[in-house]
Amino acid sequence: MKICFIGHKFHAKTGSSAFFRKILSEIGDVTELHSSPDEHPLMDDEIMRGLLSSDFDRYVFWQTEYIAERLLCSEPGKMIIIPMFDGAWGRSDDYWRKFARCRFISFSRSHHETLQRLDCKSSYFQYFPDPGLETQRPIDTSDLDGFFWERRAGKHLSTPLVVKMAHALGIRRLHVHLASDFAHANEALRYASCASDRVELTFSKWFESRDEYERVAHQPLFYFAPREREGIGMAVLEAMAQGQIVVAPDMPTMNEYVAHRCSGLLYDSEDSGPSPALARLTGEELAQLSSEARRKVAAGRQDWLRDVDRLKSIIADDGKRWSTLDVSAHFANQIRLSAHGRVHNHG
């Protein structure tokens, strides 16, 4: 089988689509092309010319549905669309209805349900990375620390808000990685906005290697999710695998992996200050959260490995029928957050 993978340039840089490209290579011969929606549309014209004159058996569009849209008049039956929630959530129902004759693979349960409601052919998967070797994480409630990568400087989810949340959780030290996805116009103003007399702050702007980044990012007990919405959220999953306590907005896909006060902490991203869902926890509660985060990834990894054959079958379109479990944490989160809100309001 000849497969063309049209991926997002950012994912090619970070390697977050590597696991999927490896699976494709086990099915057939793969040709890789990469695009970015941030570039001028003319940059994709060469890709379009190549695709229109090609004879691939499958065309796989990894967060590049804007290119797939231009090819709908050709062979939609050969096209597999893989949106990511962070890029898909704002698109209209009419936009997705255009792809009704294509096959979708969804790594967000929320978006999968949207596609099903629109009568699109969607198959849901939940990916988990290899958790690696298990380690016991020491917890000292008198010296709690956290890590936050500020990827969206000037947005609501930025260092000032994270500092407020850190203070509410009793965190004394917070390391902030000031490496925005987009250039920040005024670095001096940006540093000044981070000032705090509540939490001790340290900063970095660059890491020489991934190993250096992981040493700094995975040492603290708390890991603050960097964005309000994620596609898969590889960094969040890697933190959970390390036994870190993820603090994330109650939005997909984080709330599909993190169960509030069970395997992490969720908060309302619309709150202007610390969410009522965030409060100081005992050492025993912190240890339980850390252990459960690690266990969640380890168990999820086994589920994912068992589900890979179903994924390959759908890509190959071999006609097999499969059943799958809905392993999303979202419904349980609604119960936990409602219960916690009632306790907070009557406490």
C-alpha atoms as a PDB file:
ATOM      1  CA  MET A   1       0.000   0.000   0.000  1.00  0.00           C
ATOM      2  CA  LYS A   2       1.282   3.442  -0.961  1.00  0.00           C
ATOM      3  CA  ILE A   3       0.484   6.048   1.674  1.00  0.00           C
ATOM      4  CA  CYS A   4       0.936   9.810   1.529  1.00  0.00           C
ATOM      5  CA  PHE A   5       1.152  11.509   4.931  1.00  0.00           C
ATOM      6  CA  ILE A   6       0.480  15.247   4.825  1.00  0.00           C
ATOM      7  CA  GLY A   7       1.444  16.546   8.243  1.00  0.00           C
ATOM      8  CA  HIS A   8       1.767  19.765  10.190  1.00  0.00           C
ATOM      9  CA  LYS A   9       5.247  21.308  10.146  1.00  0.00           C
ATOM     10  CA  PHE A  10       5.114  22.039  13.867  1.00  0.00           C
ATOM     11  CA  HIS A  11       4.455  18.367  14.657  1.00  0.00           C
ATOM     12  CA  ALA A  12       7.351  17.372  12.403  1.00  0.00           C
ATOM     13  CA  LYS A  13       9.559  19.648  14.529  1.00  0.00           C
ATOM     14  CA  THR A  14       8.317  18.389  17.902  1.00  0.00           C
ATOM     15  CA  GLY A  15       7.993  14.747  16.877  1.00  0.00           C
ATOM     16  CA  SER A  16       4.478  14.490  18.302  1.00  0.00           C
ATOM     17  CA  SER A  17       3.200  12.689  15.195  1.00  0.00           C
ATOM     18  CA  ALA A  18       6.134  10.254  15.072  1.00  0.00           C
ATOM     19  CA  PHE A  19       4.180   7.422  16.710  1.00  0.00           C
ATOM     20  CA  PHE A  20       1.508   7.632  14.000  1.00  0.00           C
ATOM     21  CA  ARG A  21       3.984   7.825  11.133  1.00  0.00           C
ATOM     22  CA  LYS A  22       5.651   4.693  12.499  1.00  0.00           C
ATOM     23  CA  ILE A  23       2.310   2.861  12.413  1.00  0.00           C
ATOM     24  CA  LEU A  24       1.795   3.940   8.809  1.00  0.00           C
ATOM     25  CA  SER A  25       5.245   2.593   7.903  1.00  0.00           C
ATOM     26  CA  GLU A  26       4.156  -0.814   9.227  1.00  0.00           C
ATOM     27  CA  ILE A  27       1.205  -0.788   6.809  1.00  0.00           C
ATOM     28  CA  GLY A  28       2.869   0.378   3.606  1.00  0.00           C
ATOM     29  CA  ASP A  29       5.356   2.684   1.904  1.00  0.00           C
ATOM     30  CA  VAL A  30       4.999   6.210   3.242  1.00  0.00           C
ATOM     31  CA  THR A  31       5.750   9.510   1.532  1.00  0.00           C
ATOM     32  CA  GLU A  32       5.781  12.482   3.921  1.00  0.00           C
ATOM     33  CA  LEU A  33       4.811  16.052   3.105  1.00  0.00           C
ATOM     34  CA  HIS A  34       4.494  18.906   5.602  1.00  0.00           C
ATOM     35  CA  SER A  35       2.528  22.140   5.621  1.00  0.00           C
ATOM     36  CA  SER A  36       1.592  24.945   8.009  1.00  0.00           C
ATOM     37  CA  PRO A  37      -1.650  26.958   8.138  1.00  0.00           C
ATOM     38  CA  ASP A  38       0.423  29.940   9.309  1.00  0.00           C
ATOM     39  CA  GLU A  39       2.157  30.164   5.941  1.00  0.00           C
ATOM     40  CA  HIS A  40       0.798  31.776   2.791  1.00  0.00           C
ATOM     41  CA  PRO A  41      -1.574  29.441   0.861  1.00  0.00           C
ATOM     42  CA  LEU A  42       0.714  29.666  -2.159  1.00  0.00           C
ATOM     43  CA  MET A  43       3.268  27.659  -0.178  1.00  0.00           C
ATOM     44  CA  ASP A  44       0.915  24.673  -0.464  1.00  0.00           C
ATOM     45  CA  ASP A  45       0.454  24.901  -4.229  1.00  0.00           C
ATOM     46  CA  GLU A  46       3.434  22.636  -4.883  1.00  0.00           C
ATOM     47  CA  ILE A  47       1.995  20.042  -2.503  1.00  0.00           C
ATOM     48  CA  MET A  48      -1.352  20.308  -4.272  1.00  0.00           C
ATOM     49  CA  ARG A  49       0.166  19.794  -7.721  1.00  0.00           C
ATOM     50  CA  GLY A  50       1.980  16.705  -6.480  1.00  0.00           C
ATOM     51  CA  LEU A  51      -1.118  15.231  -4.868  1.00  0.00           C
ATOM     52  CA  LEU A  52      -3.348  15.823  -7.874  1.00  0.00           C
ATOM     53  CA  SER A  53      -0.934  13.921 -10.124  1.00  0.00           C
ATOM     54  CA  SER A  54      -0.219  11.091  -7.666  1.00  0.00           C
ATOM     55  CA  ASP A  55      -1.576   7.548  -7.388  1.00  0.00           C
ATOM     56  CA  PHE A  56      -1.425   6.830  -3.636  1.00  0.00           C
ATOM     57  CA  ASP A  57      -3.759   4.289  -2.076  1.00  0.00           C
ATOM     58  CA  ARG A  58      -4.274   6.438   1.040  1.00  0.00           C
ATOM     59  CA  TYR A  59      -3.930  10.128   1.782  1.00  0.00           C
ATOM     60  CA  VAL A  60      -3.565  10.843   5.506  1.00  0.00           C
ATOM     61  CA  PHE A  61      -4.063  14.467   6.583  1.00  0.00           C
ATOM     62  CA  TRP A  62      -2.668  15.096  10.080  1.00  0.00           C
ATOM     63  CA  GLN A  63      -4.117  18.460  11.177  1.00  0.00           C
ATOM     64  CA  THR A  64      -4.017  19.575   7.546  1.00  0.00           C
ATOM     65  CA  GLU A  65      -7.712  19.376   6.719  1.00  0.00           C
ATOM     66  CA  TYR A  66      -7.364  22.734   4.954  1.00  0.00           C
ATOM     67  CA  ILE A  67      -5.374  20.903   2.259  1.00  0.00           C
ATOM     68  CA  ALA A  68      -7.773  17.954   2.193  1.00  0.00           C
ATOM     69  CA  GLU A  69     -10.568  20.460   1.572  1.00  0.00           C
ATOM     70  CA  ARG A  70      -8.939  21.429  -1.723  1.00  0.00           C
ATOM     71  CA  LEU A  71      -8.864  17.786  -2.848  1.00  0.00           C
ATOM     72  CA  LEU A  72     -12.457  16.821  -2.105  1.00  0.00           C
ATOM     73  CA  CYS A  73     -13.317  16.805  -5.802  1.00  0.00           C
ATOM     74  CA  SER A  74     -10.814  13.999  -6.482  1.00  0.00           C
ATOM     75  CA  GLU A  75     -10.917  10.788  -4.431  1.00  0.00           C
ATOM     76  CA  PRO A  76     -12.437  11.375  -0.974  1.00  0.00           C
ATOM     77  CA  GLY A  77     -12.761   7.622  -0.412  1.00  0.00           C
ATOM     78  CA  LYS A  78      -8.979   7.398  -0.121  1.00  0.00           C
ATOM     79  CA  MET A  79      -8.692  10.290   2.311  1.00  0.00           C
ATOM     80  CA  ILE A  80      -8.251   9.977   6.087  1.00  0.00           C
ATOM     81  CA  ILE A  81      -8.631  13.209   8.056  1.00  0.00           C
ATOM     82  CA  ILE A  82      -7.009  13.492  11.489  1.00  0.00           C
ATOM     83  CA  PRO A  83      -7.965  16.829  13.070  1.00  0.00           C
ATOM     84  CA  MET A  84      -6.595  18.006  16.408  1.00  0.00           C
ATOM     85  CA  PHE A  85      -9.036  19.560  18.861  1.00  0.00           C
ATOM     86  CA  ASP A  86      -6.993  22.737  19.381  1.00  0.00           C
ATOM     87  CA  GLY A  87      -7.280  23.496  15.674  1.00  0.00           C
ATOM     88  CA  ALA A  88     -10.730  22.003  15.068  1.00  0.00           C
ATOM     89  CA  TRP A  89     -12.921  23.369  17.854  1.00  0.00           C
ATOM     90  CA  GLY A  90     -13.636  26.721  16.208  1.00  0.00           C
ATOM     91  CA  ARG A  91     -14.671  25.357  12.813  1.00  0.00           C
ATOM     92  CA  SER A  92     -18.363  25.290  11.925  1.00  0.00           C
ATOM     93  CA  ASP A  93     -20.555  22.229  11.481  1.00  0.00           C
ATOM     94  CA  ASP A  94     -20.920  23.081   7.793  1.00  0.00           C
ATOM     95  CA  TYR A  95     -17.160  22.953   7.405  1.00  0.00           C
ATOM     96  CA  TRP A  96     -16.953  19.364   8.682  1.00  0.00           C
ATOM     97  CA  ARG A  97     -19.984  18.243   6.682  1.00  0.00           C
ATOM     98  CA  LYS A  98     -17.900  18.813   3.553  1.00  0.00           C
ATOM     99  CA  PHE A  99     -15.867  15.743   4.508  1.00  0.00           C
ATOM    100  CA  ALA A 100     -18.829  13.373   4.873  1.00  0.00           C
ATOM    101  CA  ARG A 101     -17.393  10.972   2.266  1.00  0.00           C
ATOM    102  CA  CYS A 102     -13.980  10.839   3.981  1.00  0.00           C
ATOM    103  CA  ARG A 103     -12.856   8.795   6.970  1.00  0.00           C
ATOM    104  CA  PHE A 104     -11.917  10.559  10.232  1.00  0.00           C
ATOM    105  CA  ILE A 105      -9.599   9.365  12.983  1.00  0.00           C
ATOM    106  CA  SER A 106     -10.231  11.374  16.152  1.00  0.00           C
ATOM    107  CA  PHE A 107      -7.898  11.647  19.131  1.00  0.00           C
ATOM    108  CA  SER A 108     -10.434  13.812  20.968  1.00  0.00           C
ATOM    109  CA  ARG A 109     -13.641  12.226  22.194  1.00  0.00           C
ATOM    110  CA  SER A 110     -15.355  15.619  22.165  1.00  0.00           C
ATOM    111  CA  HIS A 111     -14.606  16.225  18.491  1.00  0.00           C
ATOM    112  CA  HIS A 112     -15.367  12.598  17.639  1.00  0.00           C
ATOM    113  CA  GLU A 113     -18.882  13.085  19.038  1.00  0.00           C
ATOM    114  CA  THR A 114     -19.275  16.284  17.013  1.00  0.00           C
ATOM    115  CA  LEU A 115     -18.349  14.441  13.827  1.00  0.00           C
ATOM    116  CA  GLN A 116     -20.722  11.587  14.600  1.00  0.00           C
ATOM    117  CA  ARG A 117     -23.554  14.063  15.192  1.00  0.00           C
ATOM    118  CA  LEU A 118     -22.839  15.426  11.703  1.00  0.00           C
ATOM    119  CA  ASP A 119     -22.994  11.917  10.178  1.00  0.00           C
ATOM    120  CA  CYS A 120     -19.274  11.876   9.454  1.00  0.00           C
ATOM    121  CA  LYS A 121     -17.416   8.573   9.614  1.00  0.00           C
ATOM    122  CA  SER A 122     -15.216   8.954  12.691  1.00  0.00           C
ATOM    123  CA  SER A 123     -13.262   6.416  14.736  1.00  0.00           C
ATOM    124  CA  TYR A 124     -12.080   7.422  18.218  1.00  0.00           C
ATOM    125  CA  PHE A 125      -8.676   6.532  19.691  1.00  0.00           C
ATOM    126  CA  GLN A 126      -6.928   7.617  22.864  1.00  0.00           C
ATOM    127  CA  TYR A 127      -3.155   7.615  22.640  1.00  0.00           C
ATOM    128  CA  PHE A 128      -0.801   7.093  25.585  1.00  0.00           C
ATOM    129  CA  PRO A 129       3.029   7.191  25.427  1.00  0.00           C
ATOM    130  CA  ASP A 130       5.338   4.623  26.977  1.00  0.00           C
ATOM    131  CA  PRO A 131       5.476   5.576  30.681  1.00  0.00           C
ATOM    132  CA  GLY A 132       9.043   4.310  31.142  1.00  0.00           C
ATOM    133  CA  LEU A 133      10.409   3.063  34.434  1.00  0.00           C
ATOM    134  CA  GLU A 134       8.377   3.717  37.553  1.00  0.00           C
ATOM    135  CA  THR A 135       9.924   5.983  40.180  1.00  0.00           C
ATOM    136  CA  GLN A 136       8.709   7.131  43.569  1.00  0.00           C
ATOM    137  CA  ARG A 137       8.397  10.904  43.776  1.00  0.00           C
ATOM    138  CA  PRO A 138       9.207  12.394  47.223  1.00  0.00           C
ATOM    139  CA  ILE A 139       6.672  14.948  48.446  1.00  0.00           C
ATOM    140  CA  ASP A 140       7.430  17.742  50.899  1.00  0.00           C
ATOM    141  CA  THR A 141       4.339  19.889  51.509  1.00  0.00           C
ATOM    142  CA  SER A 142       6.515  22.665  52.967  1.00  0.00           C
ATOM    143  CA  ASP A 143       8.496  23.052  49.735  1.00  0.00           C
ATOM    144  CA  LEU A 144       6.168  22.414  46.783  1.00  0.00           C
ATOM    145  CA  ASP A 145       7.328  23.381  43.303  1.00  0.00           C
ATOM    146  CA  GLY A 146       5.877  23.659  39.814  1.00  0.00           C
ATOM    147  CA  PHE A 147       6.741  24.106  36.131  1.00  0.00           C
ATOM    148  CA  PHE A 148       4.974  26.179  33.472  1.00  0.00           C
ATOM    149  CA  TRP A 149       5.912  26.707  29.823  1.00  0.00           C
ATOM    150  CA  GLU A 150       4.399  30.013  28.741  1.00  0.00           C
ATOM    151  CA  ARG A 151       3.626  29.292  25.103  1.00  0.00           C
ATOM    152  CA  ARG A 152       0.990  31.998  24.617  1.00  0.00           C
ATOM    153  CA  ALA A 153       2.404  35.210  26.053  1.00  0.00           C
ATOM    154  CA  GLY A 154      -0.251  37.847  26.660  1.00  0.00           C
ATOM    155  CA  LYS A 155      -3.122  35.355  26.561  1.00  0.00           C
ATOM    156  CA  HIS A 156      -5.366  34.503  29.509  1.00  0.00           C
ATOM    157  CA  LEU A 157      -3.396  31.359  30.342  1.00  0.00           C
ATOM    158  CA  SER A 158      -0.077  33.029  31.062  1.00  0.00           C
ATOM    159  CA  THR A 159       2.315  33.396  33.974  1.00  0.00           C
ATOM    160  CA  PRO A 160       0.291  35.870  36.127  1.00  0.00           C
ATOM    161  CA  LEU A 161      -2.673  33.473  36.240  1.00  0.00           C
ATOM    162  CA  VAL A 162      -0.450  30.446  36.890  1.00  0.00           C
ATOM    163  CA  VAL A 163       1.234  32.303  39.783  1.00  0.00           C
ATOM    164  CA  LYS A 164      -2.202  32.879  41.356  1.00  0.00           C
ATOM    165  CA  MET A 165      -3.045  29.200  40.984  1.00  0.00           C
ATOM    166  CA  ALA A 166       0.337  28.162  42.345  1.00  0.00           C
ATOM    167  CA  HIS A 167      -0.206  30.315  45.427  1.00  0.00           C
ATOM    168  CA  ALA A 168      -3.660  28.786  45.969  1.00  0.00           C
ATOM    169  CA  LEU A 169      -2.100  25.315  45.847  1.00  0.00           C
ATOM    170  CA  GLY A 170       0.633  26.218  48.344  1.00  0.00           C
ATOM    171  CA  ILE A 171       3.453  26.094  45.786  1.00  0.00           C
ATOM    172  CA  ARG A 172       6.534  27.995  46.930  1.00  0.00           C
ATOM    173  CA  ARG A 173       8.697  27.791  43.803  1.00  0.00           C
ATOM    174  CA  LEU A 174       7.668  27.985  40.133  1.00  0.00           C
ATOM    175  CA  HIS A 175       9.942  27.648  37.118  1.00  0.00           C
ATOM    176  CA  VAL A 176       8.625  29.455  34.034  1.00  0.00           C
ATOM    177  CA  HIS A 177       9.957  28.619  30.584  1.00  0.00           C
ATOM    178  CA  LEU A 178       9.523  31.834  28.578  1.00  0.00           C
ATOM    179  CA  ALA A 179       9.573  30.370  25.061  1.00  0.00           C
ATOM    180  CA  SER A 180       6.471  31.568  23.257  1.00  0.00           C
ATOM    181  CA  ASP A 181       5.217  29.890  20.095  1.00  0.00           C
ATOM    182  CA  PHE A 182       5.227  33.350  18.577  1.00  0.00           C
ATOM    183  CA  ALA A 183       7.713  36.186  19.015  1.00  0.00           C
ATOM    184  CA  HIS A 184       6.912  38.530  21.896  1.00  0.00           C
ATOM    185  CA  ALA A 185       7.322  42.219  21.108  1.00  0.00           C
ATOM    186  CA  ASN A 186       8.420  43.487  24.532  1.00  0.00           C
ATOM    187  CA  GLU A 187      10.545  41.054  26.555  1.00  0.00           C
ATOM    188  CA  ALA A 188      11.096  43.535  29.395  1.00  0.00           C
ATOM    189  CA  LEU A 189       7.349  44.040  29.809  1.00  0.00           C
ATOM    190  CA  ARG A 190       6.830  40.309  29.666  1.00  0.00           C
ATOM    191  CA  TYR A 191       9.257  39.647  32.533  1.00  0.00           C
ATOM    192  CA  ALA A 192       7.745  42.499  34.560  1.00  0.00           C
ATOM    193  CA  SER A 193       4.266  40.949  34.220  1.00  0.00           C
ATOM    194  CA  CYS A 194       5.597  37.792  35.894  1.00  0.00           C
ATOM    195  CA  ALA A 195       6.779  39.494  39.077  1.00  0.00           C
ATOM    196  CA  SER A 196       5.414  37.961  42.279  1.00  0.00           C
ATOM    197  CA  ASP A 197       5.973  38.273  45.998  1.00  0.00           C
ATOM    198  CA  ARG A 198       3.846  35.173  46.612  1.00  0.00           C
ATOM    199  CA  VAL A 199       5.840  32.554  44.725  1.00  0.00           C
ATOM    200  CA  GLU A 200       9.578  32.347  44.072  1.00  0.00           C
ATOM    201  CA  LEU A 201      10.102  32.445  40.307  1.00  0.00           C
ATOM    202  CA  THR A 202      12.945  31.211  38.122  1.00  0.00           C
ATOM    203  CA  PHE A 203      13.113  31.498  34.349  1.00  0.00           C
ATOM    204  CA  SER A 204      14.559  29.912  31.234  1.00  0.00           C
ATOM    205  CA  LYS A 205      14.310  30.839  27.570  1.00  0.00           C
ATOM    206  CA  TRP A 206      16.222  28.074  25.850  1.00  0.00           C
ATOM    207  CA  PHE A 207      17.328  24.488  26.432  1.00  0.00           C
ATOM    208  CA  GLU A 208      20.318  23.002  24.634  1.00  0.00           C
ATOM    209  CA  SER A 209      18.674  19.605  24.339  1.00  0.00           C
ATOM    210  CA  ARG A 210      15.464  17.723  25.041  1.00  0.00           C
ATOM    211  CA  ASP A 211      17.204  15.960  27.927  1.00  0.00           C
ATOM    212  CA  GLU A 212      17.967  19.327  29.541  1.00  0.00           C
ATOM    213  CA  TYR A 213      14.356  20.421  29.095  1.00  0.00           C
ATOM    214  CA  GLU A 214      13.055  17.198  30.671  1.00  0.00           C
ATOM    215  CA  ARG A 215      15.383  17.545  33.674  1.00  0.00           C
ATOM    216  CA  VAL A 216      13.949  20.983  34.414  1.00  0.00           C
ATOM    217  CA  ALA A 217      10.320  20.364  33.410  1.00  0.00           C
ATOM    218  CA  HIS A 218       9.837  16.999  35.103  1.00  0.00           C
ATOM    219  CA  GLN A 219      11.589  17.648  38.411  1.00  0.00           C
ATOM    220  CA  PRO A 220       8.789  19.724  40.057  1.00  0.00           C
ATOM    221  CA  LEU A 221       5.749  18.008  41.517  1.00  0.00           C
ATOM    222  CA  PHE A 222       3.217  20.215  39.711  1.00  0.00           C
ATOM    223  CA  TYR A 223       3.013  20.656  35.939  1.00  0.00           C
ATOM    224  CA  PHE A 224       0.801  23.462  34.611  1.00  0.00           C
ATOM    225  CA  ALA A 225      -0.605  22.731  31.153  1.00  0.00           C
ATOM    226  CA  PRO A 226       0.618  25.403  28.718  1.00  0.00           C
ATOM    227  CA  ARG A 227      -2.515  25.893  26.588  1.00  0.00           C
ATOM    228  CA  GLU A 228      -6.280  26.108  27.064  1.00  0.00           C
ATOM    229  CA  ARG A 229      -6.912  23.398  24.464  1.00  0.00           C
ATOM    230  CA  GLU A 230      -4.775  20.559  23.165  1.00  0.00           C
ATOM    231  CA  GLY A 231      -4.681  18.159  20.249  1.00  0.00           C
ATOM    232  CA  ILE A 232      -3.353  15.087  22.006  1.00  0.00           C
ATOM    233  CA  GLY A 233      -1.343  16.949  24.623  1.00  0.00           C
ATOM    234  CA  MET A 234       1.916  15.000  24.549  1.00  0.00           C
ATOM    235  CA  ALA A 235       3.625  17.211  27.137  1.00  0.00           C
ATOM    236  CA  VAL A 236       0.748  16.691  29.587  1.00  0.00           C
ATOM    237  CA  LEU A 237       0.871  12.910  29.116  1.00  0.00           C
ATOM    238  CA  GLU A 238       4.637  12.855  29.582  1.00  0.00           C
ATOM    239  CA  ALA A 239       4.248  14.802  32.829  1.00  0.00           C
ATOM    240  CA  MET A 240       1.613  12.365  34.089  1.00  0.00           C
ATOM    241  CA  ALA A 241       3.916   9.462  33.229  1.00  0.00           C
ATOM    242  CA  GLN A 242       6.538  11.062  35.476  1.00  0.00           C
ATOM    243  CA  GLY A 243       4.081  11.170  38.371  1.00  0.00           C
ATOM    244  CA  GLN A 244       3.663  14.927  38.133  1.00  0.00           C
ATOM    245  CA  ILE A 245       0.365  16.474  39.157  1.00  0.00           C
ATOM    246  CA  VAL A 246      -1.036  18.147  36.059  1.00  0.00           C
ATOM    247  CA  VAL A 247      -3.020  21.364  36.576  1.00  0.00           C
ATOM    248  CA  ALA A 248      -5.014  21.969  33.402  1.00  0.00           C
ATOM    249  CA  PRO A 249      -8.036  23.841  32.036  1.00  0.00           C
ATOM    250  CA  ASP A 250     -11.216  21.778  32.067  1.00  0.00           C
ATOM    251  CA  MET A 251     -11.142  21.541  28.277  1.00  0.00           C
ATOM    252  CA  PRO A 252     -10.396  18.839  25.697  1.00  0.00           C
ATOM    253  CA  THR A 253      -8.245  16.977  25.420  1.00  0.00           C
ATOM    254  CA  MET A 254      -6.885  17.466  28.958  1.00  0.00           C
ATOM    255  CA  ASN A 255     -10.219  16.638  30.608  1.00  0.00           C
ATOM    256  CA  GLU A 256     -10.365  13.453  28.541  1.00  0.00           C
ATOM    257  CA  TYR A 257      -7.158  12.211  30.189  1.00  0.00           C
ATOM    258  CA  VAL A 258      -7.176  13.917  33.587  1.00  0.00           C
ATOM    259  CA  ALA A 259      -9.820  12.985  36.150  1.00  0.00           C
ATOM    260  CA  HIS A 260     -10.208  15.901  38.571  1.00  0.00           C
ATOM    261  CA  ARG A 261      -8.783  15.215  42.060  1.00  0.00           C
ATOM    262  CA  CYS A 262      -8.101  11.653  40.953  1.00  0.00           C
ATOM    263  CA  SER A 263      -5.274  11.766  38.385  1.00  0.00           C
ATOM    264  CA  GLY A 264      -4.752  15.543  38.287  1.00  0.00           C
ATOM    265  CA  LEU A 265      -6.461  18.904  38.806  1.00  0.00           C
ATOM    266  CA  LEU A 266      -8.791  20.772  36.473  1.00  0.00           C
ATOM    267  CA  TYR A 267      -9.986  24.371  36.633  1.00  0.00           C
ATOM    268  CA  ASP A 268     -12.392  26.634  34.773  1.00  0.00           C
ATOM    269  CA  SER A 269     -10.275  28.518  32.241  1.00  0.00           C
ATOM    270  CA  GLU A 270     -12.788  31.381  32.271  1.00  0.00           C
ATOM    271  CA  ASP A 271     -12.067  32.204  35.925  1.00  0.00           C
ATOM    272  CA  SER A 272     -10.131  35.452  36.313  1.00  0.00           C
ATOM    273  CA  GLY A 273      -8.493  34.220  39.510  1.00  0.00           C
ATOM    274  CA  PRO A 274      -7.757  30.912  41.199  1.00  0.00           C
ATOM    275  CA  SER A 275     -10.528  28.417  40.544  1.00  0.00           C
ATOM    276  CA  PRO A 276     -12.559  27.112  43.506  1.00  0.00           C
ATOM    277  CA  ALA A 277     -11.518  23.668  42.243  1.00  0.00           C
ATOM    278  CA  LEU A 278      -7.910  24.412  43.300  1.00  0.00           C
ATOM    279  CA  ALA A 279      -6.948  24.383  46.973  1.00  0.00           C
ATOM    280  CA  ARG A 280      -4.107  23.181  49.168  1.00  0.00           C
ATOM    281  CA  LEU A 281      -3.909  19.414  49.493  1.00  0.00           C
ATOM    282  CA  THR A 282      -2.427  17.170  52.149  1.00  0.00           C
ATOM    283  CA  GLY A 283       0.720  15.158  51.578  1.00  0.00           C
ATOM    284  CA  GLU A 284      -1.375  12.004  51.381  1.00  0.00           C
ATOM    285  CA  GLU A 285      -3.659  13.545  48.740  1.00  0.00           C
ATOM    286  CA  LEU A 286      -0.693  14.751  46.698  1.00  0.00           C
ATOM    287  CA  ALA A 287       0.942  11.328  46.819  1.00  0.00           C
ATOM    288  CA  GLN A 288      -2.286   9.707  45.668  1.00  0.00           C
ATOM    289  CA  LEU A 289      -2.667  12.139  42.757  1.00  0.00           C
ATOM    290  CA  SER A 290       0.938  11.548  41.692  1.00  0.00           C
ATOM    291  CA  SER A 291       0.573   7.769  41.852  1.00  0.00           C
ATOM    292  CA  GLU A 292      -2.740   7.743  40.005  1.00  0.00           C
ATOM    293  CA  ALA A 293      -1.405   9.992  37.216  1.00  0.00           C
ATOM    294  CA  ARG A 294       1.394   7.530  36.591  1.00  0.00           C
ATOM    295  CA  ARG A 295      -0.990   4.552  36.816  1.00  0.00           C
ATOM    296  CA  LYS A 296      -3.396   6.199  34.353  1.00  0.00           C
ATOM    297  CA  VAL A 297      -0.704   6.463  31.685  1.00  0.00           C
ATOM    298  CA  ALA A 298       0.631   2.954  32.328  1.00  0.00           C
ATOM    299  CA  ALA A 299      -2.850   1.407  32.036  1.00  0.00           C
ATOM    300  CA  GLY A 300      -3.753   3.608  29.083  1.00  0.00           C
ATOM    301  CA  ARG A 301      -0.603   2.540  27.286  1.00  0.00           C
ATOM    302  CA  GLN A 302      -1.697  -1.091  27.436  1.00  0.00           C
ATOM    303  CA  ASP A 303      -5.153  -0.158  26.111  1.00  0.00           C
ATOM    304  CA  TRP A 304      -3.541   1.805  23.286  1.00  0.00           C
ATOM    305  CA  LEU A 305      -1.267  -1.070  22.268  1.00  0.00           C
ATOM    306  CA  ARG A 306      -4.269  -3.395  22.123  1.00  0.00           C
ATOM    307  CA  ASP A 307      -6.097  -0.845  19.950  1.00  0.00           C
ATOM    308  CA  VAL A 308      -3.362  -0.395  17.340  1.00  0.00           C
ATOM    309  CA  ASP A 309      -4.644  -3.311  15.240  1.00  0.00           C
ATOM    310  CA  ARG A 310      -8.043  -1.591  15.006  1.00  0.00           C
ATOM    311  CA  LEU A 311      -6.311   1.589  13.848  1.00  0.00           C
ATOM    312  CA  LYS A 312      -4.353  -0.283  11.171  1.00  0.00           C
ATOM    313  CA  SER A 313      -7.534  -2.018  10.020  1.00  0.00           C
ATOM    314  CA  ILE A 314      -9.347   1.302   9.605  1.00  0.00           C
ATOM    315  CA  ILE A 315      -6.461   2.826   7.671  1.00  0.00           C
ATOM    316  CA  ALA A 316      -6.249  -0.226   5.400  1.00  0.00           C
ATOM    317  CA  ASP A 317     -10.056  -0.304   5.097  1.00  0.00           C
ATOM    318  CA  ASP A 318     -10.053  -4.100   5.280  1.00  0.00           C
ATOM    319  CA  GLY A 319     -13.719  -4.373   6.207  1.00  0.00           C
ATOM    320  CA  LYS A 320     -13.244  -5.820   9.705  1.00  0.00           C
ATOM    321  CA  ARG A 321     -15.650  -4.814  12.468  1.00  0.00           C
ATOM    322  CA  TRP A 322     -14.272  -3.665  15.817  1.00  0.00           C
ATOM    323  CA  SER A 323     -15.642  -2.689  19.191  1.00  0.00           C
ATOM    324  CA  THR A 324     -13.970  -0.275  21.590  1.00  0.00           C
ATOM    325  CA  LEU A 325     -14.433   1.113  25.097  1.00  0.00           C
ATOM    326  CA  ASP A 326     -15.018   4.807  25.776  1.00  0.00           C
ATOM    327  CA  VAL A 327     -12.218   5.538  28.214  1.00  0.00           C
ATOM    328  CA  SER A 328     -12.680   9.296  28.450  1.00  0.00           C
ATOM    329  CA  ALA A 329     -12.482  10.865  31.909  1.00  0.00           C
ATOM    330  CA  HIS A 330     -14.856  13.667  30.908  1.00  0.00           C
ATOM    331  CA  PHE A 331     -18.142  12.358  32.368  1.00  0.00           C
ATOM    332  CA  ALA A 332     -16.565  11.492  35.711  1.00  0.00           C
ATOM    333  CA  ASN A 333     -15.035  14.975  35.800  1.00  0.00           C
ATOM    334  CA  GLN A 334     -18.472  16.573  35.584  1.00  0.00           C
ATOM    335  CA  ILE A 335     -19.565  14.638  38.675  1.00  0.00           C
ATOM    336  CA  ARG A 336     -16.395  15.426  40.652  1.00  0.00           C
ATOM    337  CA  LEU A 337     -16.384  19.141  39.795  1.00  0.00           C
ATOM    338  CA  SER A 338     -20.075  19.500  40.682  1.00  0.00           C
ATOM    339  CA  ALA A 339     -19.553  17.733  44.001  1.00  0.00           C
ATOM    340  CA  HIS A 340     -16.477  19.834  44.800  1.00  0.00           C
ATOM    341  CA  GLY A 341     -18.390  23.013  43.952  1.00  0.00           C
ATOM    342  CA  ARG A 342     -21.178  22.081  46.357  1.00  0.00           C
ATOM    343  CA  VAL A 343     -18.669  21.421  49.138  1.00  0.00           C
ATOM    344  CA  HIS A 344     -16.897  24.720  48.451  1.00  0.00           C
ATOM    345  CA  ASN A 345     -20.127  26.719  48.380  1.00  0.00           C
ATOM    346  CA  HIS A 346     -21.361  25.268  51.673  1.00  0.00           C
ATOM    347  CA  GLY A 347     -18.020  25.062  53.451  1.00  0.00           C
END
